[in-house]
Protein backbone atom coordinates (compact mmCIF):
# COMPACT_ATOMS: atom_id res chain seq x y z
CA UNK A 1 58.11 -7.92 -21.67
CA UNK A 2 58.02 -11.15 -23.66
CA UNK A 3 55.64 -11.28 -26.60
CA UNK A 4 53.57 -14.03 -24.99
CA UNK A 5 53.05 -11.94 -21.85
CA UNK A 6 52.09 -8.87 -23.84
CA UNK A 7 49.54 -10.90 -25.79
CA UNK A 8 47.97 -12.26 -22.59
CA UNK A 9 47.78 -8.75 -21.14
CA UNK A 10 46.23 -7.36 -24.30
CA UNK A 11 43.58 -10.07 -24.53
CA UNK A 12 42.79 -9.79 -20.82
CA UNK A 13 42.09 -6.07 -21.26
CA UNK A 14 39.96 -6.71 -24.35
CA UNK A 15 37.99 -9.33 -22.42
CA UNK A 16 37.38 -7.21 -19.31
CA UNK A 17 36.79 -3.71 -20.71
CA UNK A 18 33.84 -4.09 -23.17
CA UNK A 19 30.98 -4.36 -20.60
CA UNK A 20 31.99 -0.94 -19.25
CA UNK A 21 31.96 0.77 -22.67
CA UNK A 22 29.07 2.38 -24.53
CA UNK A 23 27.72 1.02 -27.83
CA UNK A 24 29.76 3.43 -29.96
CA UNK A 25 33.06 2.42 -28.38
CA UNK A 26 32.08 -1.23 -28.63
CA UNK A 27 31.41 -0.75 -32.35
CA UNK A 28 34.83 0.84 -32.77
CA UNK A 29 36.39 -2.14 -31.01
CA UNK A 30 34.50 -4.60 -33.22
CA UNK A 31 35.75 -2.78 -36.32
CA UNK A 32 39.32 -2.53 -35.04
CA UNK A 33 39.46 -6.20 -34.02
CA UNK A 34 38.13 -7.23 -37.44
CA UNK A 35 40.93 -5.23 -39.02
CA UNK A 36 43.38 -6.76 -36.53
CA UNK A 37 42.35 -10.28 -37.62
CA UNK A 38 42.86 -9.22 -41.24
CA UNK A 39 46.29 -7.80 -40.32
CA UNK A 40 47.26 -11.01 -38.51
CA UNK A 41 46.29 -12.91 -41.65
CA UNK A 42 48.25 -10.53 -43.89
CA UNK A 43 51.29 -10.82 -41.61
CA UNK A 44 51.43 -14.59 -42.02
CA UNK A 45 52.38 -14.01 -45.64
CA UNK A 46 53.70 -10.44 -45.73
CA UNK A 47 55.56 -10.60 -42.43
CA UNK A 48 56.71 -14.14 -41.71
CA UNK A 49 57.20 -15.15 -45.36
CA UNK A 50 58.29 -11.70 -46.54
CA UNK A 51 55.82 -11.72 -49.46
CA UNK A 52 54.37 -8.20 -49.29
CA UNK A 53 50.89 -8.25 -50.80
CA UNK A 54 48.84 -5.33 -52.13
CA UNK A 55 45.83 -7.56 -52.77
CA UNK A 56 44.48 -9.07 -49.56
CA UNK A 57 41.15 -7.47 -50.36
CA UNK A 58 40.80 -10.54 -52.61
CA UNK A 59 40.66 -12.91 -49.64
CA UNK A 60 38.64 -10.55 -47.45
CA UNK A 61 36.06 -10.17 -50.23
CA UNK A 62 35.95 -13.89 -51.01
CA UNK A 63 35.35 -14.67 -47.33
CA UNK A 64 32.68 -11.99 -47.10
CA UNK A 65 30.80 -13.13 -50.19
CA UNK A 66 31.25 -16.79 -49.31
CA UNK A 67 29.67 -16.31 -45.88
CA UNK A 68 27.00 -13.93 -47.19
CA UNK A 69 25.86 -16.18 -50.05
CA UNK A 70 25.84 -19.33 -47.89
CA UNK A 71 23.97 -17.62 -45.06
CA UNK A 72 21.34 -16.23 -47.44
CA UNK A 73 20.99 -19.73 -48.93
CA UNK A 74 19.83 -21.00 -45.54
CA UNK A 75 23.06 -22.40 -44.12
CA UNK A 76 23.64 -21.86 -40.41
CA UNK A 77 25.51 -18.52 -40.13
CA UNK A 78 28.09 -20.02 -37.76
CA UNK A 79 28.96 -22.65 -40.34
CA UNK A 80 28.87 -20.00 -43.08
CA UNK A 81 31.36 -17.95 -41.04
CA UNK A 82 34.05 -20.62 -41.17
CA UNK A 83 33.19 -21.76 -44.67
CA UNK A 84 33.76 -18.14 -45.73
CA UNK A 85 37.35 -18.62 -44.61
CA UNK A 86 37.34 -21.84 -46.63
CA UNK A 87 36.21 -19.98 -49.75
CA UNK A 88 39.13 -17.57 -49.29
CA UNK A 89 41.43 -20.59 -48.91
CA UNK A 90 40.19 -21.91 -52.27
CA UNK A 91 40.89 -18.47 -53.71
CA UNK A 92 44.47 -18.76 -52.52
CA UNK A 93 44.82 -22.08 -54.36
CA UNK A 94 43.84 -20.24 -57.55
CA UNK A 95 46.43 -17.57 -56.72
CA UNK A 96 49.28 -20.06 -56.26
CA UNK A 97 50.98 -19.23 -59.60
CA UNK A 98 51.44 -15.64 -58.38
CA UNK A 99 53.90 -16.98 -55.79
CA UNK A 100 56.34 -17.55 -58.67
CA UNK A 101 56.71 -13.76 -58.87
CA UNK A 102 58.93 -11.67 -56.63
CA UNK A 103 58.93 -8.25 -55.00
CA UNK A 104 56.88 -5.57 -56.68
CA UNK A 105 55.69 -8.00 -59.37
CA UNK A 106 54.12 -10.22 -56.70
CA UNK A 107 52.55 -7.27 -54.86
CA UNK A 108 51.03 -5.82 -58.05
CA UNK A 109 49.83 -9.21 -59.29
CA UNK A 110 47.94 -9.65 -56.02
CA UNK A 111 46.41 -6.20 -56.47
CA UNK A 112 45.31 -7.21 -59.98
CA UNK A 113 43.84 -10.47 -58.62
CA UNK A 114 41.68 -8.52 -56.16
CA UNK A 115 40.46 -6.25 -58.97
CA UNK A 116 39.57 -9.25 -61.14
CA UNK A 117 37.50 -10.70 -58.30
CA UNK A 118 35.76 -7.36 -57.76
CA UNK A 119 34.80 -7.30 -61.43
CA UNK A 120 33.56 -10.89 -61.29
CA UNK A 121 31.43 -10.03 -58.24
CA UNK A 122 29.73 -7.35 -60.31
CA UNK A 123 29.24 -9.57 -63.37
CA UNK A 124 27.98 -12.70 -61.57
CA UNK A 125 24.70 -11.03 -60.70
CA UNK A 126 22.76 -14.25 -60.16
CA UNK A 127 25.20 -15.37 -57.46
CA UNK A 128 26.45 -12.16 -55.85
CA UNK A 129 23.63 -9.72 -56.51
CA UNK A 130 25.86 -7.84 -58.95
CA UNK A 131 26.46 -4.14 -58.45
CA UNK A 132 23.41 -3.93 -56.15
CA UNK A 133 25.05 -6.41 -53.77
CA UNK A 134 23.57 -8.64 -51.09
CA UNK A 135 21.13 -7.29 -48.50
CA UNK A 136 19.51 -8.70 -45.35
CA UNK A 137 22.20 -11.32 -44.85
CA UNK A 138 21.16 -13.51 -41.88
CA UNK A 139 23.53 -12.72 -39.02
CA UNK A 140 24.93 -14.84 -36.20
CA UNK A 141 22.38 -16.26 -33.82
CA UNK A 142 22.34 -17.96 -30.42
CA UNK A 143 19.28 -18.47 -28.19
CA UNK A 144 19.12 -15.76 -25.55
CA UNK A 145 21.98 -13.74 -27.05
CA UNK A 146 21.31 -10.33 -28.59
CA UNK A 147 23.51 -10.07 -31.68
CA UNK A 148 21.75 -6.84 -32.56
CA UNK A 149 23.85 -5.27 -29.81
CA UNK A 150 27.60 -4.85 -30.18
CA UNK A 151 28.82 -6.75 -27.10
CA UNK A 152 28.08 -10.27 -28.38
CA UNK A 153 29.68 -9.48 -31.75
CA UNK A 154 32.70 -8.04 -29.98
CA UNK A 155 33.35 -11.26 -28.09
CA UNK A 156 32.91 -13.33 -31.26
CA UNK A 157 35.54 -11.37 -33.17
CA UNK A 158 37.77 -11.41 -30.09
CA UNK A 159 37.53 -15.22 -30.06
CA UNK A 160 38.33 -15.40 -33.78
CA UNK A 161 41.31 -13.10 -33.27
CA UNK A 162 42.52 -15.30 -30.41
CA UNK A 163 42.46 -18.31 -32.74
CA UNK A 164 44.35 -16.37 -35.42
CA UNK A 165 46.95 -15.20 -32.92
CA UNK A 166 47.36 -18.74 -31.59
CA UNK A 167 48.11 -20.01 -35.09
CA UNK A 168 50.43 -17.08 -35.83
CA UNK A 169 52.30 -17.72 -32.58
CA UNK A 170 52.80 -21.39 -33.42
CA UNK A 171 53.97 -20.43 -36.90
CA UNK A 172 56.48 -17.81 -35.74
CA UNK A 173 58.01 -19.91 -33.00
CA UNK A 174 57.67 -23.32 -34.63
CA UNK A 175 59.42 -25.21 -37.45
CA UNK A 176 57.38 -23.43 -40.14
CA UNK A 177 58.51 -20.06 -38.80
CA UNK A 178 62.16 -21.13 -38.98
CA UNK A 179 61.67 -22.19 -42.57
CA UNK A 180 59.91 -18.93 -43.47
CA UNK A 181 62.69 -16.93 -41.83
CA UNK A 182 65.11 -18.50 -44.30
CA UNK A 183 63.16 -16.96 -47.19
CA UNK A 184 64.83 -13.62 -46.51
CA UNK A 185 67.69 -14.96 -48.63
CA UNK A 186 65.60 -16.93 -51.07
CA UNK A 187 68.31 -17.98 -53.52
CA UNK A 188 70.57 -19.16 -50.72
CA UNK A 189 67.64 -20.99 -49.12
CA UNK A 190 66.82 -22.73 -52.40
CA UNK A 191 70.46 -23.68 -52.89
CA UNK A 192 70.48 -25.10 -49.37
CA UNK A 193 67.56 -27.39 -50.13
CA UNK A 194 64.84 -25.35 -48.41
CA UNK A 195 61.44 -26.06 -50.07
CA UNK A 196 60.82 -22.40 -50.88
CA UNK A 197 57.62 -22.70 -52.89
CA UNK A 198 56.01 -25.12 -50.44
CA UNK A 199 56.73 -22.81 -47.51
CA UNK A 200 55.31 -19.82 -49.38
CA UNK A 201 52.22 -21.83 -50.28
CA UNK A 202 51.63 -22.82 -46.65
CA UNK A 203 51.93 -19.18 -45.58
CA UNK A 204 49.56 -18.10 -48.37
CA UNK A 205 46.93 -20.69 -47.40
CA UNK A 206 46.94 -19.67 -43.73
CA UNK A 207 47.01 -15.98 -44.62
CA UNK A 208 44.06 -16.32 -46.98
CA UNK A 209 41.96 -18.31 -44.52
CA UNK A 210 42.25 -15.83 -41.67
CA UNK A 211 41.85 -12.83 -43.97
CA UNK A 212 38.73 -14.50 -45.37
CA UNK A 213 37.51 -15.21 -41.85
CA UNK A 214 37.71 -11.48 -41.12
CA UNK A 215 35.68 -10.78 -44.26
CA UNK A 216 33.12 -13.46 -43.37
CA UNK A 217 32.60 -11.99 -39.91
CA UNK A 218 32.25 -8.50 -41.36
CA UNK A 219 29.55 -9.68 -43.78
CA UNK A 220 27.55 -11.33 -41.00
CA UNK A 221 28.06 -8.30 -38.74
CA UNK A 222 26.95 -5.52 -41.10
CA UNK A 223 24.59 -7.89 -43.03
CA UNK A 224 25.03 -6.35 -46.47
CA UNK A 225 27.68 -6.46 -49.19
CA UNK A 226 28.48 -4.79 -52.48
CA UNK A 227 31.57 -5.41 -54.64
CA UNK A 228 33.26 -1.99 -54.18
CA UNK A 229 33.01 -2.46 -50.42
CA UNK A 230 33.92 -6.15 -50.15
CA UNK A 231 36.95 -5.78 -52.44
CA UNK A 232 37.86 -2.23 -51.42
CA UNK A 233 41.53 -1.28 -51.59
CA UNK A 234 41.21 -0.40 -47.89
CA UNK A 235 41.24 -4.10 -47.01
CA UNK A 236 44.60 -4.42 -48.78
CA UNK A 237 46.23 -1.23 -47.52
CA UNK A 238 45.12 -1.20 -43.88
CA UNK A 239 46.67 -4.52 -42.78
CA UNK A 240 49.88 -3.69 -44.63
CA UNK A 241 50.23 -0.29 -42.93
CA UNK A 242 49.18 -1.63 -39.52
CA UNK A 243 51.70 -4.49 -39.72
CA UNK A 244 54.56 -2.17 -40.67
CA UNK A 245 53.50 0.24 -37.93
CA UNK A 246 53.22 -2.31 -35.13
CA UNK A 247 55.99 -4.63 -36.23
CA UNK A 248 55.88 -6.78 -39.37
CA UNK A 249 56.98 -10.34 -38.69
CA UNK A 250 55.96 -10.28 -35.02
CA UNK A 251 52.73 -11.75 -33.64
CA UNK A 252 51.50 -8.85 -31.55
CA UNK A 253 52.75 -6.09 -33.88
CA UNK A 254 49.84 -6.15 -36.38
CA UNK A 255 47.35 -6.00 -33.50
CA UNK A 256 49.09 -3.07 -31.82
CA UNK A 257 49.43 -1.32 -35.16
CA UNK A 258 45.74 -1.78 -35.99
CA UNK A 259 44.46 -0.67 -32.58
CA UNK A 260 46.79 2.33 -32.54
CA UNK A 261 46.03 3.34 -36.12
CA UNK A 262 42.25 2.83 -36.12
CA UNK A 263 41.37 3.89 -32.59
CA UNK A 264 43.92 6.70 -32.70
CA UNK A 265 42.31 8.05 -35.86
CA UNK A 266 38.71 7.64 -34.67
CA UNK A 267 39.15 8.85 -31.09
CA UNK A 268 42.10 11.20 -31.47
CA UNK A 269 42.97 12.67 -34.84
CA UNK A 270 39.35 12.94 -36.06
CA UNK A 271 38.36 14.84 -32.94
CA UNK A 272 41.03 17.47 -33.57
CA UNK A 273 40.91 17.56 -37.37
CA UNK A 274 37.48 17.10 -38.89
CA UNK A 275 39.01 17.43 -42.34
CA UNK A 276 42.34 16.14 -43.47
CA UNK A 277 42.70 13.63 -40.63
CA UNK A 278 43.78 10.98 -43.17
CA UNK A 279 46.74 13.17 -44.11
CA UNK A 280 47.70 13.70 -40.47
CA UNK A 281 47.39 9.98 -39.71
CA UNK A 282 49.39 9.09 -42.81
CA UNK A 283 52.14 11.54 -41.88
CA UNK A 284 52.37 10.00 -38.41
CA UNK A 285 52.64 6.51 -39.89
CA UNK A 286 55.40 7.65 -42.27
CA UNK A 287 57.37 9.10 -39.35
CA UNK A 288 57.06 5.89 -37.34
CA UNK A 289 58.10 3.73 -40.32
CA UNK A 290 61.09 5.99 -41.04
CA UNK A 291 62.39 6.15 -37.49
CA UNK A 292 61.16 2.78 -36.17
CA UNK A 293 61.81 0.60 -39.19
CA UNK A 294 60.90 -2.60 -37.38
CA UNK A 295 57.68 -1.10 -36.07
CA UNK A 296 56.74 -0.30 -32.50
CA UNK A 297 56.99 -3.82 -31.12
CA UNK A 298 59.97 -4.66 -33.30
CA UNK A 299 61.75 -1.65 -31.78
CA UNK A 300 60.86 -2.75 -28.23
CA UNK A 301 61.81 -6.32 -29.01
CA UNK A 302 65.29 -5.23 -30.08
CA UNK A 303 65.79 -2.62 -27.37
CA UNK A 304 64.77 -4.82 -24.47
CA UNK A 305 65.97 -8.12 -25.94
CA UNK A 306 62.68 -9.96 -25.93
CA UNK A 307 63.49 -13.65 -25.74
CA UNK A 308 61.96 -15.94 -28.34
CA UNK A 309 60.05 -18.65 -26.44
CA UNK A 310 60.61 -22.26 -27.27
CA UNK A 311 57.69 -24.00 -28.90
């Protein structure tokens, strides 16, 4: 099955199924789709551009705090949602010098950047609420729509994910994707006149925006924030693992990896192992990465010769 067809099928199922689920399962879907949007954002940089980051909690947290602060200041929460992504974008501009680093140095510098932002969120008490965090953040609102229930939130995050996937699809199969693919041999690309730094910067900007958008939605969904949560290492590790699991460098791979990893853990592994389920889930991920090095969709793409669409 072509990637485009698989994406349409996946989104059709996610559109049709929620009304038939209970509130708990809807909440799990909201959480998993938020993580999927974060993974799609991570993959724009870590997959397409090959710049593996250990610090995307930086952009998630910036988006979350941006949306939370703006919403509490009286701005319309819908506008605050997208401006949260804009705050994360500005954070990526600050992080541009890190793109001069390579490999493990880049990954660790991004991790350090996220930790610096977490510390600043604690220190800037007048703006962020400090260690106590932000509470009673005004959530999304539409007349006649109950955002206290999970269904409306589920369709909002599904719409945001659809936008992220649309951009990722255009990147992978467009001119930018071809340029990013050349970064696998960076020195050769630079010698051939490829604008390496500019391409990396474009991938970083897009990656930060959509990662921040995931954080902004999460802040407006749970309606509270504190620095250890907003800049948790989980927001850096989860998209990385999910992308490798589903297929780093593909469009649908990070989504499949996130849904399989999160829902599999919550509905499967946790039900069998009340304790130690993280170990069991981690072991399963290691096995998949070892034996399916291109991830689940990457494996299927190679085995069944998925054709890259034009445009």
